[in-house]
mmCIF file of all heavy atoms, coordinates in Angstrom:
data_MODEL
# 
_entry.id   MODEL 
# 
loop_
_atom_site.group_PDB 
_atom_site.id 
_atom_site.type_symbol 
_atom_site.label_atom_id 
_atom_site.label_alt_id 
_atom_site.label_comp_id 
_atom_site.label_asym_id 
_atom_site.label_entity_id 
_atom_site.label_seq_id 
_atom_site.pdbx_PDB_ins_code 
_atom_site.Cartn_x 
_atom_site.Cartn_y 
_atom_site.Cartn_z 
_atom_site.occupancy 
_atom_site.B_iso_or_equiv 
_atom_site.pdbx_formal_charge 
_atom_site.auth_seq_id 
_atom_site.auth_comp_id 
_atom_site.auth_asym_id 
_atom_site.auth_atom_id 
_atom_site.pdbx_PDB_model_num 
ATOM 1   N N   . THR A 1 1  ? 38.495 -16.223 -7.072  1.00 0.00 ? 1  THR A N   1 
ATOM 2   C CA  . THR A 1 1  ? 37.850 -16.923 -5.962  1.00 0.00 ? 1  THR A CA  1 
ATOM 3   C C   . THR A 1 1  ? 36.501 -16.297 -5.640  1.00 0.00 ? 1  THR A C   1 
ATOM 4   O O   . THR A 1 1  ? 35.536 -17.008 -5.342  1.00 0.00 ? 1  THR A O   1 
ATOM 5   C CB  . THR A 1 1  ? 38.762 -16.905 -4.726  1.00 0.00 ? 1  THR A CB  1 
ATOM 6   O OG1 . THR A 1 1  ? 40.018 -17.509 -5.065  1.00 0.00 ? 1  THR A OG1 1 
ATOM 7   C CG2 . THR A 1 1  ? 38.148 -17.653 -3.568  1.00 0.00 ? 1  THR A CG2 1 
ATOM 8   N N   . GLU A 1 2  ? 36.420 -14.971 -5.695  1.00 0.00 ? 2  GLU A N   1 
ATOM 9   C CA  . GLU A 1 2  ? 35.118 -14.309 -5.536  1.00 0.00 ? 2  GLU A CA  1 
ATOM 10  C C   . GLU A 1 2  ? 34.113 -14.894 -6.517  1.00 0.00 ? 2  GLU A C   1 
ATOM 11  O O   . GLU A 1 2  ? 33.005 -15.303 -6.138  1.00 0.00 ? 2  GLU A O   1 
ATOM 12  C CB  . GLU A 1 2  ? 35.240 -12.808 -5.810  1.00 0.00 ? 2  GLU A CB  1 
ATOM 13  C CG  . GLU A 1 2  ? 36.019 -12.009 -4.808  1.00 0.00 ? 2  GLU A CG  1 
ATOM 14  C CD  . GLU A 1 2  ? 36.292 -10.586 -5.312  1.00 0.00 ? 2  GLU A CD  1 
ATOM 15  O OE1 . GLU A 1 2  ? 35.733 -10.199 -6.378  1.00 0.00 ? 2  GLU A OE1 1 
ATOM 16  O OE2 . GLU A 1 2  ? 37.058 -9.891  -4.643  1.00 0.00 ? 2  GLU A OE2 1 
ATOM 17  N N   . ARG A 1 3  ? 34.475 -14.942 -7.790  1.00 0.00 ? 3  ARG A N   1 
ATOM 18  C CA  . ARG A 1 3  ? 33.544 -15.388 -8.824  1.00 0.00 ? 3  ARG A CA  1 
ATOM 19  C C   . ARG A 1 3  ? 33.115 -16.837 -8.592  1.00 0.00 ? 3  ARG A C   1 
ATOM 20  O O   . ARG A 1 3  ? 31.942 -17.188 -8.769  1.00 0.00 ? 3  ARG A O   1 
ATOM 21  C CB  . ARG A 1 3  ? 34.171 -15.237 -10.213 1.00 0.00 ? 3  ARG A CB  1 
ATOM 22  C CG  . ARG A 1 3  ? 34.389 -13.779 -10.622 1.00 0.00 ? 3  ARG A CG  1 
ATOM 23  C CD  . ARG A 1 3  ? 34.736 -13.671 -12.088 1.00 0.00 ? 3  ARG A CD  1 
ATOM 24  N NE  . ARG A 1 3  ? 36.020 -14.287 -12.417 1.00 0.00 ? 3  ARG A NE  1 
ATOM 25  C CZ  . ARG A 1 3  ? 37.191 -13.646 -12.346 1.00 0.00 ? 3  ARG A CZ  1 
ATOM 26  N NH1 . ARG A 1 3  ? 37.242 -12.395 -11.939 1.00 0.00 ? 3  ARG A NH1 1 
ATOM 27  N NH2 . ARG A 1 3  ? 38.304 -14.250 -12.691 1.00 0.00 ? 3  ARG A NH2 1 
ATOM 28  N N   . GLN A 1 4  ? 34.059 -17.672 -8.223  1.00 0.00 ? 4  GLN A N   1 
ATOM 29  C CA  . GLN A 1 4  ? 33.745 -19.096 -8.043  1.00 0.00 ? 4  GLN A CA  1 
ATOM 30  C C   . GLN A 1 4  ? 32.693 -19.305 -6.962  1.00 0.00 ? 4  GLN A C   1 
ATOM 31  O O   . GLN A 1 4  ? 31.710 -20.032 -7.162  1.00 0.00 ? 4  GLN A O   1 
ATOM 32  C CB  . GLN A 1 4  ? 35.022 -19.866 -7.710  1.00 0.00 ? 4  GLN A CB  1 
ATOM 33  C CG  . GLN A 1 4  ? 35.988 -19.986 -8.877  1.00 0.00 ? 4  GLN A CG  1 
ATOM 34  C CD  . GLN A 1 4  ? 37.364 -20.476 -8.464  1.00 0.00 ? 4  GLN A CD  1 
ATOM 35  O OE1 . GLN A 1 4  ? 37.609 -20.766 -7.286  1.00 0.00 ? 4  GLN A OE1 1 
ATOM 36  N NE2 . GLN A 1 4  ? 38.274 -20.587 -9.408  1.00 0.00 ? 4  GLN A NE2 1 
ATOM 37  N N   . PHE A 1 5  ? 32.888 -18.685 -5.819  1.00 0.00 ? 5  PHE A N   1 
ATOM 38  C CA  . PHE A 1 5  ? 31.940 -18.871 -4.715  1.00 0.00 ? 5  PHE A CA  1 
ATOM 39  C C   . PHE A 1 5  ? 30.642 -18.107 -4.950  1.00 0.00 ? 5  PHE A C   1 
ATOM 40  O O   . PHE A 1 5  ? 29.552 -18.621 -4.679  1.00 0.00 ? 5  PHE A O   1 
ATOM 41  C CB  . PHE A 1 5  ? 32.574 -18.449 -3.392  1.00 0.00 ? 5  PHE A CB  1 
ATOM 42  C CG  . PHE A 1 5  ? 33.517 -19.474 -2.823  1.00 0.00 ? 5  PHE A CG  1 
ATOM 43  C CD1 . PHE A 1 5  ? 34.876 -19.375 -3.016  1.00 0.00 ? 5  PHE A CD1 1 
ATOM 44  C CD2 . PHE A 1 5  ? 33.028 -20.550 -2.083  1.00 0.00 ? 5  PHE A CD2 1 
ATOM 45  C CE1 . PHE A 1 5  ? 35.750 -20.321 -2.491  1.00 0.00 ? 5  PHE A CE1 1 
ATOM 46  C CE2 . PHE A 1 5  ? 33.892 -21.491 -1.547  1.00 0.00 ? 5  PHE A CE2 1 
ATOM 47  C CZ  . PHE A 1 5  ? 35.253 -21.381 -1.751  1.00 0.00 ? 5  PHE A CZ  1 
ATOM 48  N N   . PHE A 1 6  ? 30.732 -16.882 -5.442  1.00 0.00 ? 6  PHE A N   1 
ATOM 49  C CA  . PHE A 1 6  ? 29.519 -16.102 -5.707  1.00 0.00 ? 6  PHE A CA  1 
ATOM 50  C C   . PHE A 1 6  ? 28.640 -16.836 -6.718  1.00 0.00 ? 6  PHE A C   1 
ATOM 51  O O   . PHE A 1 6  ? 27.414 -16.852 -6.610  1.00 0.00 ? 6  PHE A O   1 
ATOM 52  C CB  . PHE A 1 6  ? 29.873 -14.720 -6.265  1.00 0.00 ? 6  PHE A CB  1 
ATOM 53  C CG  . PHE A 1 6  ? 30.335 -13.711 -5.245  1.00 0.00 ? 6  PHE A CG  1 
ATOM 54  C CD1 . PHE A 1 6  ? 31.110 -14.079 -4.159  1.00 0.00 ? 6  PHE A CD1 1 
ATOM 55  C CD2 . PHE A 1 6  ? 30.007 -12.377 -5.396  1.00 0.00 ? 6  PHE A CD2 1 
ATOM 56  C CE1 . PHE A 1 6  ? 31.544 -13.139 -3.241  1.00 0.00 ? 6  PHE A CE1 1 
ATOM 57  C CE2 . PHE A 1 6  ? 30.434 -11.425 -4.481  1.00 0.00 ? 6  PHE A CE2 1 
ATOM 58  C CZ  . PHE A 1 6  ? 31.210 -11.808 -3.393  1.00 0.00 ? 6  PHE A CZ  1 
ATOM 59  N N   . ARG A 1 7  ? 29.260 -17.436 -7.719  1.00 0.00 ? 7  ARG A N   1 
ATOM 60  C CA  . ARG A 1 7  ? 28.528 -18.137 -8.765  1.00 0.00 ? 7  ARG A CA  1 
ATOM 61  C C   . ARG A 1 7  ? 27.689 -19.276 -8.173  1.00 0.00 ? 7  ARG A C   1 
ATOM 62  O O   . ARG A 1 7  ? 26.514 -19.446 -8.518  1.00 0.00 ? 7  ARG A O   1 
ATOM 63  C CB  . ARG A 1 7  ? 29.509 -18.675 -9.800  1.00 0.00 ? 7  ARG A CB  1 
ATOM 64  C CG  . ARG A 1 7  ? 28.866 -19.308 -11.020 1.00 0.00 ? 7  ARG A CG  1 
ATOM 65  C CD  . ARG A 1 7  ? 29.902 -19.889 -11.953 1.00 0.00 ? 7  ARG A CD  1 
ATOM 66  N NE  . ARG A 1 7  ? 30.774 -18.868 -12.506 1.00 0.00 ? 7  ARG A NE  1 
ATOM 67  C CZ  . ARG A 1 7  ? 32.094 -18.828 -12.302 1.00 0.00 ? 7  ARG A CZ  1 
ATOM 68  N NH1 . ARG A 1 7  ? 32.687 -19.722 -11.532 1.00 0.00 ? 7  ARG A NH1 1 
ATOM 69  N NH2 . ARG A 1 7  ? 32.817 -17.883 -12.870 1.00 0.00 ? 7  ARG A NH2 1 
ATOM 70  N N   . LEU A 1 8  ? 28.284 -20.041 -7.288  1.00 0.00 ? 8  LEU A N   1 
ATOM 71  C CA  . LEU A 1 8  ? 27.555 -21.165 -6.692  1.00 0.00 ? 8  LEU A CA  1 
ATOM 72  C C   . LEU A 1 8  ? 26.429 -20.695 -5.786  1.00 0.00 ? 8  LEU A C   1 
ATOM 73  O O   . LEU A 1 8  ? 25.332 -21.260 -5.806  1.00 0.00 ? 8  LEU A O   1 
ATOM 74  C CB  . LEU A 1 8  ? 28.527 -22.047 -5.905  1.00 0.00 ? 8  LEU A CB  1 
ATOM 75  C CG  . LEU A 1 8  ? 29.365 -23.019 -6.739  1.00 0.00 ? 8  LEU A CG  1 
ATOM 76  C CD1 . LEU A 1 8  ? 30.362 -23.752 -5.851  1.00 0.00 ? 8  LEU A CD1 1 
ATOM 77  C CD2 . LEU A 1 8  ? 28.482 -24.016 -7.470  1.00 0.00 ? 8  LEU A CD2 1 
ATOM 78  N N   . VAL A 1 9  ? 26.686 -19.677 -4.998  1.00 0.00 ? 9  VAL A N   1 
ATOM 79  C CA  . VAL A 1 9  ? 25.631 -19.156 -4.129  1.00 0.00 ? 9  VAL A CA  1 
ATOM 80  C C   . VAL A 1 9  ? 24.478 -18.611 -4.965  1.00 0.00 ? 9  VAL A C   1 
ATOM 81  O O   . VAL A 1 9  ? 23.303 -18.915 -4.724  1.00 0.00 ? 9  VAL A O   1 
ATOM 82  C CB  . VAL A 1 9  ? 26.178 -18.061 -3.195  1.00 0.00 ? 9  VAL A CB  1 
ATOM 83  C CG1 . VAL A 1 9  ? 25.041 -17.371 -2.447  1.00 0.00 ? 9  VAL A CG1 1 
ATOM 84  C CG2 . VAL A 1 9  ? 27.169 -18.656 -2.203  1.00 0.00 ? 9  VAL A CG2 1 
ATOM 85  N N   . GLY A 1 10 ? 24.790 -17.827 -5.977  1.00 0.00 ? 10 GLY A N   1 
ATOM 86  C CA  . GLY A 1 10 ? 23.746 -17.202 -6.790  1.00 0.00 ? 10 GLY A CA  1 
ATOM 87  C C   . GLY A 1 10 ? 22.926 -18.188 -7.592  1.00 0.00 ? 10 GLY A C   1 
ATOM 88  O O   . GLY A 1 10 ? 21.766 -17.921 -7.912  1.00 0.00 ? 10 GLY A O   1 
ATOM 89  N N   . ALA A 1 11 ? 23.516 -19.347 -7.920  1.00 0.00 ? 11 ALA A N   1 
ATOM 90  C CA  . ALA A 1 11 ? 22.814 -20.333 -8.742  1.00 0.00 ? 11 ALA A CA  1 
ATOM 91  C C   . ALA A 1 11 ? 22.058 -21.359 -7.915  1.00 0.00 ? 11 ALA A C   1 
ATOM 92  O O   . ALA A 1 11 ? 21.421 -22.250 -8.468  1.00 0.00 ? 11 ALA A O   1 
ATOM 93  C CB  . ALA A 1 11 ? 23.817 -21.050 -9.644  1.00 0.00 ? 11 ALA A CB  1 
ATOM 94  N N   . SER A 1 12 ? 22.096 -21.236 -6.589  1.00 0.00 ? 12 SER A N   1 
ATOM 95  C CA  . SER A 1 12 ? 21.554 -22.306 -5.751  1.00 0.00 ? 12 SER A CA  1 
ATOM 96  C C   . SER A 1 12 ? 20.046 -22.484 -5.925  1.00 0.00 ? 12 SER A C   1 
ATOM 97  O O   . SER A 1 12 ? 19.571 -23.581 -6.143  1.00 0.00 ? 12 SER A O   1 
ATOM 98  C CB  . SER A 1 12 ? 21.902 -22.073 -4.278  1.00 0.00 ? 12 SER A CB  1 
ATOM 99  O OG  . SER A 1 12 ? 21.432 -20.829 -3.821  1.00 0.00 ? 12 SER A OG  1 
ATOM 100 N N   . ASN A 1 13 ? 19.236 -21.421 -5.798  1.00 0.00 ? 13 ASN A N   1 
ATOM 101 C CA  . ASN A 1 13 ? 17.807 -21.460 -6.137  1.00 0.00 ? 13 ASN A CA  1 
ATOM 102 C C   . ASN A 1 13 ? 17.246 -20.041 -6.047  1.00 0.00 ? 13 ASN A C   1 
ATOM 103 O O   . ASN A 1 13 ? 18.007 -19.082 -5.947  1.00 0.00 ? 13 ASN A O   1 
ATOM 104 C CB  . ASN A 1 13 ? 17.027 -22.453 -5.253  1.00 0.00 ? 13 ASN A CB  1 
ATOM 105 C CG  . ASN A 1 13 ? 17.122 -22.123 -3.786  1.00 0.00 ? 13 ASN A CG  1 
ATOM 106 O OD1 . ASN A 1 13 ? 16.861 -21.009 -3.377  1.00 0.00 ? 13 ASN A OD1 1 
ATOM 107 N ND2 . ASN A 1 13 ? 17.489 -23.109 -2.970  1.00 0.00 ? 13 ASN A ND2 1 
ATOM 108 N N   . HIS A 1 14 ? 15.938 -19.894 -6.055  1.00 0.00 ? 14 HIS A N   1 
ATOM 109 C CA  . HIS A 1 14 ? 15.340 -18.554 -6.188  1.00 0.00 ? 14 HIS A CA  1 
ATOM 110 C C   . HIS A 1 14 ? 14.436 -18.192 -5.021  1.00 0.00 ? 14 HIS A C   1 
ATOM 111 O O   . HIS A 1 14 ? 13.421 -17.517 -5.181  1.00 0.00 ? 14 HIS A O   1 
ATOM 112 C CB  . HIS A 1 14 ? 14.565 -18.465 -7.501  1.00 0.00 ? 14 HIS A CB  1 
ATOM 113 C CG  . HIS A 1 14 ? 15.413 -18.673 -8.712  1.00 0.00 ? 14 HIS A CG  1 
ATOM 114 N ND1 . HIS A 1 14 ? 16.273 -17.722 -9.207  1.00 0.00 ? 14 HIS A ND1 1 
ATOM 115 C CD2 . HIS A 1 14 ? 15.578 -19.759 -9.506  1.00 0.00 ? 14 HIS A CD2 1 
ATOM 116 C CE1 . HIS A 1 14 ? 16.914 -18.185 -10.263 1.00 0.00 ? 14 HIS A CE1 1 
ATOM 117 N NE2 . HIS A 1 14 ? 16.505 -19.424 -10.473 1.00 0.00 ? 14 HIS A NE2 1 
ATOM 118 N N   . ILE A 1 15 ? 14.814 -18.584 -3.835  1.00 0.00 ? 15 ILE A N   1 
ATOM 119 C CA  . ILE A 1 15 ? 13.988 -18.286 -2.667  1.00 0.00 ? 15 ILE A CA  1 
ATOM 120 C C   . ILE A 1 15 ? 14.215 -16.864 -2.171  1.00 0.00 ? 15 ILE A C   1 
ATOM 121 O O   . ILE A 1 15 ? 13.282 -16.175 -1.802  1.00 0.00 ? 15 ILE A O   1 
ATOM 122 C CB  . ILE A 1 15 ? 14.289 -19.282 -1.522  1.00 0.00 ? 15 ILE A CB  1 
ATOM 123 C CG1 . ILE A 1 15 ? 13.911 -20.703 -1.955  1.00 0.00 ? 15 ILE A CG1 1 
ATOM 124 C CG2 . ILE A 1 15 ? 13.536 -18.911 -0.254  1.00 0.00 ? 15 ILE A CG2 1 
ATOM 125 C CD1 . ILE A 1 15 ? 14.307 -21.759 -0.959  1.00 0.00 ? 15 ILE A CD1 1 
ATOM 126 N N   . ALA A 1 16 ? 15.458 -16.420 -2.171  1.00 0.00 ? 16 ALA A N   1 
ATOM 127 C CA  . ALA A 1 16 ? 15.781 -15.143 -1.515  1.00 0.00 ? 16 ALA A CA  1 
ATOM 128 C C   . ALA A 1 16 ? 16.724 -14.316 -2.370  1.00 0.00 ? 16 ALA A C   1 
ATOM 129 O O   . ALA A 1 16 ? 17.194 -14.756 -3.415  1.00 0.00 ? 16 ALA A O   1 
ATOM 130 C CB  . ALA A 1 16 ? 16.415 -15.414 -0.155  1.00 0.00 ? 16 ALA A CB  1 
ATOM 131 N N   . GLN A 1 17 ? 16.968 -13.120 -1.898  1.00 0.00 ? 17 GLN A N   1 
ATOM 132 C CA  . GLN A 1 17 ? 17.993 -12.250 -2.494  1.00 0.00 ? 17 GLN A CA  1 
ATOM 133 C C   . GLN A 1 17 ? 19.259 -12.357 -1.651  1.00 0.00 ? 17 GLN A C   1 
ATOM 134 O O   . GLN A 1 17 ? 19.202 -12.301 -0.424  1.00 0.00 ? 17 GLN A O   1 
ATOM 135 C CB  . GLN A 1 17 ? 17.519 -10.802 -2.511  1.00 0.00 ? 17 GLN A CB  1 
ATOM 136 C CG  . GLN A 1 17 ? 16.294 -10.549 -3.367  1.00 0.00 ? 17 GLN A CG  1 
ATOM 137 C CD  . GLN A 1 17 ? 15.782 -9.134  -3.186  1.00 0.00 ? 17 GLN A CD  1 
ATOM 138 O OE1 . GLN A 1 17 ? 16.276 -8.383  -2.341  1.00 0.00 ? 17 GLN A OE1 1 
ATOM 139 N NE2 . GLN A 1 17 ? 14.791 -8.760  -3.966  1.00 0.00 ? 17 GLN A NE2 1 
ATOM 140 N N   . PHE A 1 18 ? 20.396 -12.493 -2.324  1.00 0.00 ? 18 PHE A N   1 
ATOM 141 C CA  . PHE A 1 18 ? 21.667 -12.636 -1.624  1.00 0.00 ? 18 PHE A CA  1 
ATOM 142 C C   . PHE A 1 18 ? 22.457 -11.335 -1.614  1.00 0.00 ? 18 PHE A C   1 
ATOM 143 O O   . PHE A 1 18 ? 22.735 -10.771 -2.669  1.00 0.00 ? 18 PHE A O   1 
ATOM 144 C CB  . PHE A 1 18 ? 22.526 -13.702 -2.298  1.00 0.00 ? 18 PHE A CB  1 
ATOM 145 C CG  . PHE A 1 18 ? 22.057 -15.087 -2.047  1.00 0.00 ? 18 PHE A CG  1 
ATOM 146 C CD1 . PHE A 1 18 ? 21.839 -15.943 -3.110  1.00 0.00 ? 18 PHE A CD1 1 
ATOM 147 C CD2 . PHE A 1 18 ? 21.832 -15.540 -0.763  1.00 0.00 ? 18 PHE A CD2 1 
ATOM 148 C CE1 . PHE A 1 18 ? 21.404 -17.227 -2.890  1.00 0.00 ? 18 PHE A CE1 1 
ATOM 149 C CE2 . PHE A 1 18 ? 21.399 -16.827 -0.539  1.00 0.00 ? 18 PHE A CE2 1 
ATOM 150 C CZ  . PHE A 1 18 ? 21.179 -17.678 -1.601  1.00 0.00 ? 18 PHE A CZ  1 
ATOM 151 N N   . HIS A 1 19 ? 22.837 -10.922 -0.447  1.00 0.00 ? 19 HIS A N   1 
ATOM 152 C CA  . HIS A 1 19 ? 23.817 -9.860  -0.284  1.00 0.00 ? 19 HIS A CA  1 
ATOM 153 C C   . HIS A 1 19 ? 25.074 -10.523 0.266   1.00 0.00 ? 19 HIS A C   1 
ATOM 154 O O   . HIS A 1 19 ? 25.114 -10.949 1.423   1.00 0.00 ? 19 HIS A O   1 
ATOM 155 C CB  . HIS A 1 19 ? 23.309 -8.800  0.685   1.00 0.00 ? 19 HIS A CB  1 
ATOM 156 C CG  . HIS A 1 19 ? 22.131 -8.029  0.182   1.00 0.00 ? 19 HIS A CG  1 
ATOM 157 N ND1 . HIS A 1 19 ? 22.212 -6.707  -0.199  1.00 0.00 ? 19 HIS A ND1 1 
ATOM 158 C CD2 . HIS A 1 19 ? 20.844 -8.393  -0.025  1.00 0.00 ? 19 HIS A CD2 1 
ATOM 159 C CE1 . HIS A 1 19 ? 21.024 -6.284  -0.606  1.00 0.00 ? 19 HIS A CE1 1 
ATOM 160 N NE2 . HIS A 1 19 ? 20.180 -7.297  -0.509  1.00 0.00 ? 19 HIS A NE2 1 
ATOM 161 N N   . ILE A 1 20 ? 26.093 -10.636 -0.583  1.00 0.00 ? 20 ILE A N   1 
ATOM 162 C CA  . ILE A 1 20 ? 27.349 -11.252 -0.158  1.00 0.00 ? 20 ILE A CA  1 
ATOM 163 C C   . ILE A 1 20 ? 28.331 -10.143 0.197   1.00 0.00 ? 20 ILE A C   1 
ATOM 164 O O   . ILE A 1 20 ? 28.559 -9.223  -0.590  1.00 0.00 ? 20 ILE A O   1 
ATOM 165 C CB  . ILE A 1 20 ? 27.927 -12.167 -1.249  1.00 0.00 ? 20 ILE A CB  1 
ATOM 166 C CG1 . ILE A 1 20 ? 26.904 -13.240 -1.620  1.00 0.00 ? 20 ILE A CG1 1 
ATOM 167 C CG2 . ILE A 1 20 ? 29.223 -12.806 -0.766  1.00 0.00 ? 20 ILE A CG2 1 
ATOM 168 C CD1 . ILE A 1 20 ? 27.402 -14.246 -2.634  1.00 0.00 ? 20 ILE A CD1 1 
ATOM 169 N N   . HIS A 1 21 ? 28.912 -10.245 1.379   1.00 0.00 ? 21 HIS A N   1 
ATOM 170 C CA  . HIS A 1 21 ? 29.772 -9.197  1.916   1.00 0.00 ? 21 HIS A CA  1 
ATOM 171 C C   . HIS A 1 21 ? 31.209 -9.712  2.010   1.00 0.00 ? 21 HIS A C   1 
ATOM 172 O O   . HIS A 1 21 ? 31.582 -10.375 2.982   1.00 0.00 ? 21 HIS A O   1 
ATOM 173 C CB  . HIS A 1 21 ? 29.285 -8.774  3.300   1.00 0.00 ? 21 HIS A CB  1 
ATOM 174 C CG  . HIS A 1 21 ? 27.857 -8.324  3.334   1.00 0.00 ? 21 HIS A CG  1 
ATOM 175 N ND1 . HIS A 1 21 ? 27.487 -7.015  3.121   1.00 0.00 ? 21 HIS A ND1 1 
ATOM 176 C CD2 . HIS A 1 21 ? 26.697 -9.005  3.543   1.00 0.00 ? 21 HIS A CD2 1 
ATOM 177 C CE1 . HIS A 1 21 ? 26.166 -6.902  3.205   1.00 0.00 ? 21 HIS A CE1 1 
ATOM 178 N NE2 . HIS A 1 21 ? 25.669 -8.106  3.467   1.00 0.00 ? 21 HIS A NE2 1 
ATOM 179 N N   . PRO A 1 22 ? 32.050 -9.416  0.995   1.00 0.00 ? 22 PRO A N   1 
ATOM 180 C CA  . PRO A 1 22 ? 33.442 -9.863  1.061   1.00 0.00 ? 22 PRO A CA  1 
ATOM 181 C C   . PRO A 1 22 ? 34.239 -9.044  2.074   1.00 0.00 ? 22 PRO A C   1 
ATOM 182 O O   . PRO A 1 22 ? 34.032 -7.833  2.214   1.00 0.00 ? 22 PRO A O   1 
ATOM 183 C CB  . PRO A 1 22 ? 33.954 -9.642  -0.363  1.00 0.00 ? 22 PRO A CB  1 
ATOM 184 C CG  . PRO A 1 22 ? 33.100 -8.549  -0.911  1.00 0.00 ? 22 PRO A CG  1 
ATOM 185 C CD  . PRO A 1 22 ? 31.754 -8.704  -0.257  1.00 0.00 ? 22 PRO A CD  1 
ATOM 186 N N   . PHE A 1 23 ? 35.127 -9.715  2.771   1.00 0.00 ? 23 PHE A N   1 
ATOM 187 C CA  . PHE A 1 23 ? 36.076 -9.042  3.659   1.00 0.00 ? 23 PHE A CA  1 
ATOM 188 C C   . PHE A 1 23 ? 37.324 -9.901  3.747   1.00 0.00 ? 23 PHE A C   1 
ATOM 189 O O   . PHE A 1 23 ? 37.349 -11.042 3.262   1.00 0.00 ? 23 PHE A O   1 
ATOM 190 C CB  . PHE A 1 23 ? 35.471 -8.755  5.037   1.00 0.00 ? 23 PHE A CB  1 
ATOM 191 C CG  . PHE A 1 23 ? 35.164 -9.970  5.883   1.00 0.00 ? 23 PHE A CG  1 
ATOM 192 C CD1 . PHE A 1 23 ? 35.939 -10.276 7.005   1.00 0.00 ? 23 PHE A CD1 1 
ATOM 193 C CD2 . PHE A 1 23 ? 34.083 -10.796 5.597   1.00 0.00 ? 23 PHE A CD2 1 
ATOM 194 C CE1 . PHE A 1 23 ? 35.645 -11.375 7.800   1.00 0.00 ? 23 PHE A CE1 1 
ATOM 195 C CE2 . PHE A 1 23 ? 33.784 -11.904 6.392   1.00 0.00 ? 23 PHE A CE2 1 
ATOM 196 C CZ  . PHE A 1 23 ? 34.569 -12.194 7.501   1.00 0.00 ? 23 PHE A CZ  1 
ATOM 197 N N   . THR A 1 24 ? 38.381 -9.373  4.321   1.00 0.00 ? 24 THR A N   1 
ATOM 198 C CA  . THR A 1 24 ? 39.628 -10.118 4.427   1.00 0.00 ? 24 THR A CA  1 
ATOM 199 C C   . THR A 1 24 ? 40.278 -9.785  5.761   1.00 0.00 ? 24 THR A C   1 
ATOM 200 O O   . THR A 1 24 ? 39.676 -9.122  6.619   1.00 0.00 ? 24 THR A O   1 
ATOM 201 C CB  . THR A 1 24 ? 40.552 -9.825  3.228   1.00 0.00 ? 24 THR A CB  1 
ATOM 202 O OG1 . THR A 1 24 ? 41.651 -10.751 3.230   1.00 0.00 ? 24 THR A OG1 1 
ATOM 203 C CG2 . THR A 1 24 ? 41.053 -8.394  3.236   1.00 0.00 ? 24 THR A CG2 1 
ATOM 204 N N   . LEU A 1 25 ? 41.502 -10.263 5.950   1.00 0.00 ? 25 LEU A N   1 
ATOM 205 C CA  . LEU A 1 25 ? 42.222 -10.030 7.201   1.00 0.00 ? 25 LEU A CA  1 
ATOM 206 C C   . LEU A 1 25 ? 43.363 -9.049  6.971   1.00 0.00 ? 25 LEU A C   1 
ATOM 207 O O   . LEU A 1 25 ? 44.116 -9.179  5.995   1.00 0.00 ? 25 LEU A O   1 
ATOM 208 C CB  . LEU A 1 25 ? 42.779 -11.356 7.743   1.00 0.00 ? 25 LEU A CB  1 
ATOM 209 C CG  . LEU A 1 25 ? 41.742 -12.451 8.009   1.00 0.00 ? 25 LEU A CG  1 
ATOM 210 C CD1 . LEU A 1 25 ? 42.448 -13.741 8.426   1.00 0.00 ? 25 LEU A CD1 1 
ATOM 211 C CD2 . LEU A 1 25 ? 40.740 -12.019 9.068   1.00 0.00 ? 25 LEU A CD2 1 
ATOM 212 N N   . ASP A 1 26 ? 43.508 -8.094  7.855   1.00 0.00 ? 26 ASP A N   1 
ATOM 213 C CA  . ASP A 1 26 ? 44.538 -7.064  7.696   1.00 0.00 ? 26 ASP A CA  1 
ATOM 214 C C   . ASP A 1 26 ? 45.955 -7.636  7.752   1.00 0.00 ? 26 ASP A C   1 
ATOM 215 O O   . ASP A 1 26 ? 46.888 -7.036  7.228   1.00 0.00 ? 26 ASP A O   1 
ATOM 216 C CB  . ASP A 1 26 ? 44.386 -6.001  8.788   1.00 0.00 ? 26 ASP A CB  1 
ATOM 217 C CG  . ASP A 1 26 ? 43.110 -5.196  8.650   1.00 0.00 ? 26 ASP A CG  1 
ATOM 218 O OD1 . ASP A 1 26 ? 42.556 -5.155  7.531   1.00 0.00 ? 26 ASP A OD1 1 
ATOM 219 O OD2 . ASP A 1 26 ? 42.662 -4.613  9.657   1.00 0.00 ? 26 ASP A OD2 1 
# 
C-alpha cells in the first residue's frame, strides 16, 4: 500500500519535492 500511493504522488508532476510521512494507529 505504501508503494501504490507513493508511486502516484511521486509521478504526479515536477513542481515540488515530496516528503511523505507514513504513520499508523497504535
